[in-house]
Amino acid sequence: MGRSLAALTSSVTPEFNKPVQFFHPKTGRRYRVFRKQSEFLIEEFFLDQNRRLVYSDPRSIRYSIGSGNHARSFLVERLGRLYQAPVTFFRQAGHWDMSPGYDTEDYVGFTRQVTANCLFCHGGDLSQPAVAIGCERCHGPGKQHLAQSGGAIVNPAKLAPQLRDQVCEQCHLFGAARVTQPGRSPADYRPGEQLGAVLAIYAYDTAGTSEPTVTGHPQEMKQSVCCQKSPGKLWCGSCHEVHTKAPVAYRAKCLACHQQAHHREGDCIACHMPKRPVTESAHVAFTDHRILRRPTTDRKTEPAGAKLRLILPAELDDPVVATRNLGFAYAELASSTGREEFHRKVVETLQPLVGTSVANAAFWQTLGEAHLAAGEIAPSEAAFQKAAELDSGSAGAHYGLGYVLQLQGKLPEAIQAYRRALETDRDKAEALGNLAAAYSKLGNRDQAVKAWEAAIHLEPGNLRWRAAAESAARSLKPRSGR
């Protein structure tokens, strides 16, 4: 955990010691990883059919994420915000490749913003991104310990089993969807308190075993007979030592309970907890924590259904809040999977809550996006309008409103909404791109070119914007007479 996030140095990131270049066939983009004196860079570039350079976008890397045991990703900074680089070094595979989630036709460039929620499980202090996870994440605030010496420090091993496990689950259990309780932040959690007061965590409600994930080990272990037959005794700390890098004798841990085990000289872990690929990446394998008595070569799974169930005991029993959380969970799945049925479930779940205390700007924003994805333009416009009224500083609400207005051909109104979005967030490239398209449709090519150029400055790799800007710029050039 002490290596979960760090500013770049030669010792921290040896992956940059050797220049690397590779091609991503799905997007046609090329990447170069290299050092320039003390600067670490990742460059994305594109060549046309004649092998001429269309654009080059080199970015200086600010931070690394991950210990490097399995993989290490990298962050760049732009206008005070952090973005994940599109390429990652995978240690198990021994090479660079696209970052998890970037290996599609959709993701281009340094466009995935890293939010405070993303950093929560990698950074110990969100106000200082270069600080890795420290003692306070598991033992509580140091200031409180200093004020009450000897009585305020939390020892997870001495907590009740459920509260003890939640200290680990704050970062190591994500489920299918993870929703922050209204008015709370993951950083509000304190070891020894109910994690459910801050987060609601959901899993697919399917009878079969779900596919293995990087952050699903606690749930897997609870499926094991070992855990179920050791009333509260088996937990993460039974095998994992977080305070030292010394190798752990896992076999001895097993034999503490299984004294009569067969093949006593064998490797218990290799047979009963084998490595399995995870859904997040094709290049990473993690330990199967189900501790199967007779492991099979292939892990049998059932297709994920369209229904969710709560797997983290929630402190809040309010049915309105619980329904709101479920709707937001379906929205998270709709975004990550693109499955149309989840957009419909968002609408079905949240619509009955209109007029309740949870119907704030984020509620209407989520409902508007679901209506839009379902092709329901009129209710989507009404929802975005409500979100913008409740939070005039929400760039997302103004952008969503502009988008649905543009779909309906209400271009002057759409332009006004996009400009309001950009007043709040001048870094919102998609608003600039759509603003340019609206200007172009109205015949205002000069303003269109300016907006496209501003958008391309933020996202150099958007080839569609480049083609549109070049076409509009050509139309502005006076034709020479004969």
Protein backbone atom coordinates (compact mmCIF):
# COMPACT_ATOMS: atom_id res chain seq x y z
CA MET A 1 0.00 0.00 0.00
CA GLY A 2 2.96 2.28 0.53
CA ARG A 3 3.63 1.97 -3.22
CA SER A 4 0.03 2.54 -4.29
CA LEU A 5 0.76 5.98 -5.75
CA ALA A 6 3.98 7.95 -6.22
CA ALA A 7 5.60 10.84 -8.01
CA LEU A 8 7.89 9.61 -10.77
CA THR A 9 11.58 8.92 -10.23
CA SER A 10 14.01 6.55 -11.93
CA SER A 11 13.83 4.09 -9.05
CA VAL A 12 10.03 4.17 -8.88
CA THR A 13 9.43 3.71 -12.60
CA PRO A 14 12.13 1.54 -14.21
CA GLU A 15 9.63 0.83 -17.03
CA PHE A 16 10.79 4.06 -18.70
CA ASN A 17 14.46 3.10 -18.80
CA LYS A 18 14.09 1.52 -22.23
CA PRO A 19 12.28 3.43 -25.04
CA VAL A 20 9.28 1.50 -26.36
CA GLN A 21 6.99 2.05 -29.35
CA PHE A 22 3.92 0.03 -30.31
CA PHE A 23 0.79 0.12 -32.49
CA HIS A 24 -2.84 -0.23 -31.38
CA PRO A 25 -4.75 -1.79 -34.30
CA LYS A 26 -8.27 -1.06 -33.00
CA THR A 27 -7.79 2.70 -33.24
CA GLY A 28 -4.81 2.92 -35.58
CA ARG A 29 -2.94 4.96 -32.96
CA ARG A 30 0.72 4.58 -32.12
CA TYR A 31 2.38 5.08 -28.76
CA ARG A 32 5.89 5.86 -27.65
CA VAL A 33 7.20 5.60 -24.09
CA PHE A 34 10.50 7.28 -23.38
CA ARG A 35 12.59 9.49 -21.11
CA LYS A 36 13.95 12.92 -21.93
CA GLN A 37 16.58 13.64 -19.29
CA SER A 38 14.62 13.75 -16.02
CA GLU A 39 11.22 13.88 -17.75
CA PHE A 40 9.07 10.77 -18.32
CA LEU A 41 6.83 10.91 -21.39
CA ILE A 42 4.08 8.95 -23.10
CA GLU A 43 3.28 10.06 -26.64
CA GLU A 44 0.27 9.19 -28.77
CA PHE A 45 0.52 9.85 -32.52
CA PHE A 46 -1.25 8.96 -35.75
CA LEU A 47 0.01 8.41 -39.30
CA ASP A 48 -2.17 8.69 -42.39
CA GLN A 49 -2.20 6.20 -45.26
CA ASN A 50 0.92 7.83 -46.70
CA ARG A 51 2.74 7.47 -43.37
CA ARG A 52 2.60 11.23 -42.81
CA LEU A 53 2.18 12.47 -39.24
CA VAL A 54 -1.37 13.70 -38.60
CA TYR A 55 -0.82 14.65 -34.97
CA SER A 56 1.50 14.01 -32.06
CA ASP A 57 0.44 14.35 -28.42
CA PRO A 58 3.34 13.83 -25.97
CA ARG A 59 2.43 14.15 -22.29
CA SER A 60 4.70 14.44 -19.29
CA ILE A 61 3.85 11.85 -16.63
CA ARG A 62 3.26 13.16 -13.11
CA TYR A 63 2.40 10.07 -11.05
CA SER A 64 2.40 6.29 -11.15
CA ILE A 65 -0.44 4.19 -9.79
CA GLY A 66 0.02 0.66 -8.50
CA SER A 67 2.78 -1.18 -6.68
CA GLY A 68 4.09 -2.70 -9.90
CA ASN A 69 3.58 -6.28 -8.68
CA HIS A 70 0.93 -6.80 -11.35
CA ALA A 71 0.88 -3.59 -13.39
CA ARG A 72 1.56 0.10 -13.18
CA SER A 73 -0.55 2.86 -14.73
CA PHE A 74 0.38 6.52 -15.12
CA LEU A 75 -1.28 9.90 -14.67
CA VAL A 76 -0.84 13.16 -16.54
CA GLU A 77 -2.01 16.59 -15.43
CA ARG A 78 -3.87 19.18 -17.48
CA LEU A 79 -5.33 22.44 -16.15
CA GLY A 80 -5.07 21.17 -12.60
CA ARG A 81 -6.80 17.85 -13.32
CA LEU A 82 -5.41 14.34 -13.51
CA TYR A 83 -6.01 11.97 -16.44
CA GLN A 84 -5.04 8.34 -16.87
CA ALA A 85 -2.56 7.64 -19.63
CA PRO A 86 -3.90 5.26 -22.31
CA VAL A 87 -1.02 2.79 -21.89
CA THR A 88 0.03 0.69 -18.89
CA PHE A 89 3.02 -1.52 -18.13
CA PHE A 90 1.93 -5.07 -17.27
CA ARG A 91 4.61 -6.75 -15.20
CA GLN A 92 3.23 -10.30 -15.46
CA ALA A 93 3.19 -10.05 -19.26
CA GLY A 94 6.43 -8.07 -19.28
CA HIS A 95 5.34 -5.41 -21.78
CA TRP A 96 3.36 -2.23 -22.39
CA ASP A 97 -0.21 -2.32 -23.68
CA MET A 98 -3.44 -0.37 -23.52
CA SER A 99 -4.68 0.55 -20.05
CA PRO A 100 -7.69 -1.44 -18.79
CA GLY A 101 -10.78 -0.03 -20.48
CA TYR A 102 -8.77 1.73 -23.19
CA ASP A 103 -8.48 -1.32 -25.45
CA THR A 104 -11.55 -0.33 -27.47
CA GLU A 105 -12.36 1.77 -30.52
CA ASP A 106 -13.91 4.43 -28.28
CA TYR A 107 -11.14 5.62 -25.98
CA VAL A 108 -8.62 7.89 -27.64
CA GLY A 109 -5.97 10.06 -26.05
CA PHE A 110 -5.59 11.23 -22.49
CA THR A 111 -9.32 11.62 -21.95
CA ARG A 112 -10.19 9.55 -18.86
CA GLN A 113 -10.30 11.94 -15.92
CA VAL A 114 -9.17 10.58 -12.57
CA THR A 115 -11.62 11.76 -9.91
CA ALA A 116 -11.35 11.88 -6.13
CA ASN A 117 -13.31 8.62 -5.96
CA CYS A 118 -10.76 6.98 -8.28
CA LEU A 119 -7.86 8.20 -6.16
CA PHE A 120 -9.44 7.14 -2.87
CA CYS A 121 -8.08 3.60 -3.03
CA HIS A 122 -4.62 4.66 -4.21
CA GLY A 123 -3.93 7.94 -2.41
CA GLY A 124 -3.63 8.48 1.32
CA ASP A 125 -4.35 12.21 1.15
CA LEU A 126 -6.55 13.46 -1.68
CA SER A 127 -5.25 17.00 -1.23
CA GLN A 128 -1.73 15.73 -1.95
CA PRO A 129 -1.98 13.20 -4.83
CA ALA A 130 1.62 12.04 -4.52
CA VAL A 131 1.00 10.62 -1.04
CA ALA A 132 0.42 6.85 -1.02
CA ILE A 133 -1.85 5.00 1.39
CA GLY A 134 -0.62 5.34 4.95
CA CYS A 135 -1.40 4.23 8.48
CA GLU A 136 -4.58 6.28 8.84
CA ARG A 137 -6.42 4.32 6.15
CA CYS A 138 -6.64 1.29 8.44
CA HIS A 139 -5.98 2.74 11.91
CA GLY A 140 -7.92 6.00 11.92
CA PRO A 141 -6.90 9.68 12.10
CA GLY A 142 -3.52 10.38 13.65
CA LYS A 143 -4.71 13.68 15.18
CA GLN A 144 -7.31 11.80 17.18
CA HIS A 145 -4.64 9.39 18.43
CA LEU A 146 -2.41 12.25 19.53
CA ALA A 147 -5.30 13.86 21.38
CA GLN A 148 -6.22 10.60 23.13
CA SER A 149 -2.91 8.79 23.39
CA GLY A 150 -3.29 5.05 23.81
CA GLY A 151 -7.02 4.98 23.32
CA ALA A 152 -7.87 6.30 19.88
CA ILE A 153 -5.85 4.09 17.54
CA VAL A 154 -7.88 1.38 15.80
CA ASN A 155 -6.57 -2.17 15.59
CA PRO A 156 -8.67 -3.85 12.87
CA ALA A 157 -7.93 -7.32 14.26
CA LYS A 158 -9.72 -6.41 17.49
CA LEU A 159 -12.90 -5.15 15.85
CA ALA A 160 -16.08 -7.19 15.48
CA PRO A 161 -15.73 -9.41 12.36
CA GLN A 162 -18.04 -7.33 10.17
CA LEU A 163 -16.38 -4.01 11.07
CA ARG A 164 -12.93 -5.61 10.79
CA ASP A 165 -13.62 -6.90 7.29
CA GLN A 166 -14.96 -3.53 6.16
CA VAL A 167 -11.58 -1.91 6.83
CA CYS A 168 -10.26 -3.98 3.90
CA GLU A 169 -13.47 -3.75 1.89
CA GLN A 170 -13.33 0.05 1.71
CA CYS A 171 -10.85 -0.47 -1.16
CA HIS A 172 -10.88 -4.17 -2.01
CA LEU A 173 -14.62 -4.69 -2.57
CA PHE A 174 -16.25 -2.93 -5.49
CA GLY A 175 -18.82 -5.46 -6.62
CA ALA A 176 -20.72 -4.80 -9.82
CA ALA A 177 -21.52 -1.23 -8.76
CA ARG A 178 -20.53 1.02 -5.89
CA VAL A 179 -22.55 4.09 -4.89
CA THR A 180 -21.75 6.84 -2.40
CA GLN A 181 -24.50 7.57 0.10
CA PRO A 182 -26.20 10.99 -0.32
CA GLY A 183 -24.05 13.80 1.02
CA ARG A 184 -21.12 11.51 1.79
CA SER A 185 -17.70 10.82 0.30
CA PRO A 186 -15.59 7.63 0.51
CA ALA A 187 -13.05 9.72 2.42
CA ASP A 188 -15.63 10.13 5.22
CA TYR A 189 -15.19 6.50 6.26
CA ARG A 190 -13.28 5.85 9.49
CA PRO A 191 -12.01 2.39 10.50
CA GLY A 192 -14.26 0.86 13.13
CA GLU A 193 -17.39 2.55 11.76
CA GLN A 194 -20.01 1.08 9.45
CA LEU A 195 -18.80 1.29 5.86
CA GLY A 196 -22.44 1.12 4.80
CA ALA A 197 -22.98 4.62 6.18
CA VAL A 198 -20.74 5.89 3.38
CA LEU A 199 -21.07 3.35 0.56
CA ALA A 200 -23.65 1.00 -0.92
CA ILE A 201 -22.07 -1.91 -2.81
CA TYR A 202 -24.00 -4.19 -5.16
CA ALA A 203 -23.43 -7.50 -6.96
CA TYR A 204 -25.30 -9.16 -9.79
CA ASP A 205 -28.16 -11.23 -8.41
CA THR A 206 -27.29 -14.42 -10.30
CA ALA A 207 -27.18 -17.95 -9.01
CA GLY A 208 -23.88 -18.77 -10.64
CA THR A 209 -20.41 -17.51 -9.85
CA SER A 210 -19.49 -14.15 -11.28
CA GLU A 211 -16.34 -13.58 -13.26
CA PRO A 212 -13.19 -12.85 -11.23
CA THR A 213 -12.28 -9.20 -10.74
CA VAL A 214 -9.38 -7.27 -9.21
CA THR A 215 -11.60 -5.96 -6.40
CA GLY A 216 -13.77 -8.99 -5.68
CA HIS A 217 -11.58 -11.03 -3.30
CA PRO A 218 -13.57 -10.37 -0.07
CA GLN A 219 -16.78 -11.57 -1.71
CA GLU A 220 -15.03 -14.62 -3.15
CA MET A 221 -13.61 -15.58 0.23
CA LYS A 222 -17.07 -15.38 1.83
CA GLN A 223 -18.19 -18.03 -0.67
CA SER A 224 -15.53 -20.43 0.59
CA VAL A 225 -16.30 -23.27 2.98
CA CYS A 226 -13.21 -22.29 4.98
CA CYS A 227 -14.68 -18.89 5.72
CA GLN A 228 -18.20 -20.15 6.36
CA LYS A 229 -16.99 -22.79 8.85
CA SER A 230 -14.67 -20.49 10.77
CA PRO A 231 -17.22 -18.22 12.46
CA GLY A 232 -15.66 -14.83 11.91
CA LYS A 233 -12.06 -16.06 12.31
CA LEU A 234 -10.91 -16.23 8.69
CA TRP A 235 -10.32 -12.79 7.20
CA CYS A 236 -7.83 -10.96 5.00
CA GLY A 237 -5.40 -10.50 7.87
CA SER A 238 -5.26 -14.25 8.45
CA CYS A 239 -2.92 -14.61 5.49
CA HIS A 240 -1.87 -11.11 4.44
CA GLU A 241 0.73 -9.12 6.34
CA VAL A 242 0.36 -5.45 5.48
CA HIS A 243 3.29 -4.13 7.53
CA THR A 244 6.15 -6.02 5.92
CA LYS A 245 7.34 -7.20 2.52
CA ALA A 246 8.60 -10.47 3.98
CA PRO A 247 7.24 -13.56 2.16
CA VAL A 248 4.27 -15.21 3.83
CA ALA A 249 4.22 -18.97 4.50
CA TYR A 250 0.73 -19.52 3.14
CA ARG A 251 0.97 -23.29 3.45
CA ALA A 252 1.57 -22.95 7.19
CA LYS A 253 -1.57 -20.82 7.41
CA CYS A 254 -3.58 -23.64 5.80
CA LEU A 255 -2.08 -26.35 8.00
CA ALA A 256 -3.03 -24.42 11.14
CA CYS A 257 -6.57 -25.69 10.52
CA HIS A 258 -6.02 -28.62 8.14
CA GLN A 259 -3.55 -30.67 10.16
CA GLN A 260 -4.70 -33.91 8.48
CA ALA A 261 -4.53 -32.49 4.98
CA HIS A 262 -3.33 -34.77 2.18
CA HIS A 263 -0.19 -33.95 0.21
CA ARG A 264 1.27 -32.17 3.20
CA GLU A 265 4.46 -31.38 1.32
CA GLY A 266 2.58 -29.82 -1.61
CA ASP A 267 1.67 -26.21 -2.32
CA CYS A 268 -1.86 -25.68 -0.98
CA ILE A 269 -2.25 -22.30 -2.68
CA ALA A 270 -1.23 -23.47 -6.15
CA CYS A 271 -3.93 -26.16 -6.12
CA HIS A 272 -6.76 -24.63 -4.12
CA MET A 273 -6.28 -20.92 -4.88
CA PRO A 274 -4.93 -20.84 -8.44
CA LYS A 275 -4.34 -17.70 -10.45
CA ARG A 276 -7.16 -16.65 -12.76
CA PRO A 277 -7.41 -13.89 -15.39
CA VAL A 278 -9.60 -10.97 -14.33
CA THR A 279 -12.23 -9.14 -16.34
CA GLU A 280 -10.47 -5.76 -16.12
CA SER A 281 -7.42 -6.79 -18.14
CA ALA A 282 -6.20 -9.53 -20.44
CA HIS A 283 -2.68 -9.30 -19.00
CA VAL A 284 -3.29 -9.73 -15.27
CA ALA A 285 -4.09 -12.82 -13.20
CA PHE A 286 -5.12 -12.75 -9.54
CA THR A 287 -5.57 -15.43 -6.89
CA ASP A 288 -8.96 -17.15 -6.76
CA HIS A 289 -10.08 -16.59 -3.16
CA ARG A 290 -12.95 -19.09 -3.19
CA ILE A 291 -10.54 -21.74 -1.79
CA LEU A 292 -12.15 -24.58 -3.72
CA ARG A 293 -11.66 -28.12 -2.48
CA ARG A 294 -11.57 -29.46 -6.03
CA PRO A 295 -10.66 -26.56 -8.33
CA THR A 296 -11.56 -26.91 -11.99
CA THR A 297 -9.48 -25.72 -14.90
CA ASP A 298 -12.19 -23.38 -16.13
CA ARG A 299 -14.14 -21.15 -13.83
CA LYS A 300 -17.83 -21.64 -14.64
CA THR A 301 -19.78 -18.42 -14.85
CA GLU A 302 -23.31 -17.40 -15.70
CA PRO A 303 -24.10 -14.36 -17.84
CA ALA A 304 -24.65 -11.33 -15.66
CA GLY A 305 -28.35 -10.70 -15.17
CA ALA A 306 -30.08 -7.34 -15.07
CA LYS A 307 -30.85 -7.35 -11.34
CA LEU A 308 -28.64 -6.21 -8.48
CA ARG A 309 -28.51 -7.10 -4.81
CA LEU A 310 -26.88 -5.26 -1.93
CA ILE A 311 -23.80 -7.06 -0.58
CA LEU A 312 -22.56 -4.47 1.90
CA PRO A 313 -24.75 -4.21 5.01
CA ALA A 314 -26.06 -0.64 4.90
CA GLU A 315 -26.54 1.46 8.00
CA LEU A 316 -29.23 3.54 6.30
CA ASP A 317 -32.58 1.76 6.19
CA ASP A 318 -34.53 4.63 4.62
CA PRO A 319 -36.35 3.05 1.64
CA VAL A 320 -36.19 6.24 -0.42
CA VAL A 321 -32.41 6.45 -0.04
CA ALA A 322 -32.06 2.72 -0.69
CA THR A 323 -34.06 3.06 -3.93
CA ARG A 324 -32.02 6.08 -4.97
CA ASN A 325 -28.80 4.13 -4.40
CA LEU A 326 -30.09 1.22 -6.47
CA GLY A 327 -30.99 3.56 -9.32
CA PHE A 328 -27.54 5.11 -9.23
CA ALA A 329 -26.01 1.62 -9.22
CA TYR A 330 -27.92 0.73 -12.38
CA ALA A 331 -26.69 4.01 -13.90
CA GLU A 332 -23.10 3.04 -13.12
CA LEU A 333 -23.62 -0.31 -14.85
CA ALA A 334 -25.30 1.36 -17.81
CA SER A 335 -22.23 3.54 -18.24
CA SER A 336 -19.68 0.74 -17.82
CA THR A 337 -21.46 -1.96 -19.86
CA GLY A 338 -23.53 0.03 -22.36
CA ARG A 339 -26.41 -2.42 -21.88
CA GLU A 340 -29.72 -0.79 -22.83
CA GLU A 341 -31.68 -2.67 -20.19
CA PHE A 342 -29.78 -0.88 -17.43
CA HIS A 343 -30.80 2.53 -18.78
CA ARG A 344 -34.41 1.36 -18.57
CA LYS A 345 -33.90 0.16 -15.01
CA VAL A 346 -32.51 3.57 -14.03
CA VAL A 347 -35.72 5.21 -15.22
CA GLU A 348 -37.95 2.60 -13.61
CA THR A 349 -36.11 2.88 -10.29
CA LEU A 350 -35.67 6.64 -10.03
CA GLN A 351 -38.91 7.94 -11.59
CA PRO A 352 -41.04 7.10 -8.51
CA LEU A 353 -38.67 9.21 -6.36
CA VAL A 354 -39.50 12.49 -8.16
CA GLY A 355 -40.59 14.97 -5.49
CA THR A 356 -38.72 13.26 -2.66
CA SER A 357 -35.75 14.58 -0.68
CA VAL A 358 -33.23 12.71 -2.86
CA ALA A 359 -34.31 14.44 -6.09
CA ASN A 360 -31.32 16.81 -6.20
CA ALA A 361 -29.26 17.94 -9.21
CA ALA A 362 -27.30 14.65 -9.36
CA PHE A 363 -30.59 12.73 -9.31
CA TRP A 364 -32.00 14.69 -12.27
CA GLN A 365 -28.70 14.46 -14.13
CA THR A 366 -28.70 10.67 -13.76
CA LEU A 367 -32.35 10.42 -14.79
CA GLY A 368 -31.77 12.69 -17.79
CA GLU A 369 -28.89 10.57 -19.04
CA ALA A 370 -31.00 7.41 -18.73
CA HIS A 371 -33.94 8.96 -20.62
CA LEU A 372 -31.54 10.14 -23.33
CA ALA A 373 -29.95 6.70 -23.71
CA ALA A 374 -33.44 5.20 -23.99
CA GLY A 375 -34.30 7.63 -26.79
CA GLU A 376 -36.79 9.59 -24.68
CA ILE A 377 -35.86 13.13 -25.70
CA ALA A 378 -38.64 15.20 -24.09
CA PRO A 379 -38.28 13.77 -20.55
CA SER A 380 -34.50 13.91 -20.95
CA GLU A 381 -34.65 17.63 -21.74
CA ALA A 382 -36.92 18.25 -18.75
CA ALA A 383 -34.56 16.33 -16.44
CA PHE A 384 -31.44 18.17 -17.60
CA GLN A 385 -33.27 21.49 -17.29
CA LYS A 386 -34.21 20.62 -13.70
CA ALA A 387 -30.61 19.60 -12.92
CA ALA A 388 -29.31 22.90 -14.32
CA GLU A 389 -31.85 24.86 -12.27
CA LEU A 390 -30.88 23.08 -9.05
CA ASP A 391 -27.14 23.42 -9.71
CA SER A 392 -26.33 26.28 -12.06
CA GLY A 393 -22.64 25.42 -11.72
CA SER A 394 -23.04 21.90 -13.10
CA ALA A 395 -21.22 21.69 -16.43
CA GLY A 396 -22.67 18.22 -16.95
CA ALA A 397 -26.26 19.44 -16.61
CA HIS A 398 -25.76 22.32 -19.07
CA TYR A 399 -23.93 20.04 -21.48
CA GLY A 400 -26.67 17.40 -21.33
CA LEU A 401 -29.31 20.06 -21.92
CA GLY A 402 -27.35 21.42 -24.87
CA TYR A 403 -27.04 17.95 -26.35
CA VAL A 404 -30.78 17.17 -26.30
CA LEU A 405 -31.58 20.65 -27.63
CA GLN A 406 -29.13 20.07 -30.48
CA LEU A 407 -30.76 16.73 -31.26
CA GLN A 408 -34.07 18.56 -31.68
CA GLY A 409 -32.58 21.20 -33.96
CA LYS A 410 -32.89 23.95 -31.35
CA LEU A 411 -29.43 25.20 -32.18
CA PRO A 412 -29.42 28.73 -30.66
CA GLU A 413 -30.67 27.29 -27.35
CA ALA A 414 -28.11 24.47 -27.56
CA ILE A 415 -25.29 26.98 -28.14
CA GLN A 416 -26.38 28.92 -25.09
CA ALA A 417 -26.37 25.75 -22.96
CA TYR A 418 -22.92 24.70 -24.21
CA ARG A 419 -21.54 28.15 -23.41
CA ARG A 420 -22.89 27.89 -19.87
CA ALA A 421 -21.22 24.50 -19.54
CA LEU A 422 -17.91 26.01 -20.70
CA GLU A 423 -18.24 28.94 -18.29
CA THR A 424 -18.21 26.36 -15.50
CA ASP A 425 -15.70 23.97 -17.07
CA ARG A 426 -13.47 25.42 -19.80
CA ASP A 427 -11.80 21.99 -20.09
CA LYS A 428 -14.97 20.26 -21.33
CA ALA A 429 -13.79 19.31 -24.80
CA GLU A 430 -17.01 17.56 -25.83
CA ALA A 431 -18.95 20.77 -25.22
CA LEU A 432 -16.57 22.65 -27.53
CA GLY A 433 -16.88 19.96 -30.19
CA ASN A 434 -20.67 20.04 -30.15
CA LEU A 435 -20.68 23.84 -29.98
CA ALA A 436 -18.61 23.88 -33.16
CA ALA A 437 -21.04 21.51 -34.89
CA ALA A 438 -23.99 23.74 -33.90
CA TYR A 439 -22.25 26.86 -35.24
CA SER A 440 -21.42 25.03 -38.47
CA LYS A 441 -25.03 23.92 -38.92
CA LEU A 442 -26.13 27.56 -38.57
CA GLY A 443 -23.58 28.61 -41.19
CA ASN A 444 -21.29 30.40 -38.76
CA ARG A 445 -18.12 28.71 -40.00
CA ASP A 446 -15.75 31.21 -38.36
CA GLN A 447 -17.05 30.49 -34.85
CA ALA A 448 -17.19 26.78 -35.70
CA VAL A 449 -13.51 26.67 -36.62
CA LYS A 450 -12.54 28.53 -33.44
CA ALA A 451 -14.52 26.08 -31.29
CA TRP A 452 -13.09 23.03 -33.09
CA GLU A 453 -9.56 24.35 -32.71
CA ALA A 454 -10.12 24.85 -28.98
CA ALA A 455 -11.52 21.32 -28.69
CA ILE A 456 -8.59 19.83 -30.63
CA HIS A 457 -6.16 21.68 -28.39
CA LEU A 458 -7.64 19.76 -25.45
CA GLU A 459 -7.97 16.43 -27.31
CA PRO A 460 -5.50 16.33 -30.21
CA GLY A 461 -6.41 12.75 -31.06
CA ASN A 462 -10.02 13.41 -32.11
CA LEU A 463 -9.78 12.75 -35.86
CA ARG A 464 -13.47 13.57 -36.44
CA TRP A 465 -13.02 17.08 -35.08
CA ARG A 466 -9.85 17.50 -37.14
CA ALA A 467 -11.62 16.55 -40.37
CA ALA A 468 -14.58 18.84 -39.59
CA ALA A 469 -12.31 21.76 -38.68
CA GLU A 470 -10.25 21.37 -41.86
CA SER A 471 -13.40 21.24 -43.99
CA ALA A 472 -14.84 24.35 -42.34
CA ALA A 473 -11.51 26.20 -42.63
CA ARG A 474 -11.32 25.42 -46.37
CA SER A 475 -14.77 26.89 -46.87
CA LEU A 476 -13.61 30.16 -45.29
CA LYS A 477 -10.72 30.63 -47.74
CA PRO A 478 -11.60 32.97 -50.63
CA ARG A 479 -11.58 31.29 -54.00
CA SER A 480 -9.16 32.78 -56.51
CA GLY A 481 -10.78 34.12 -59.71
CA ARG A 482 -9.72 33.18 -63.18
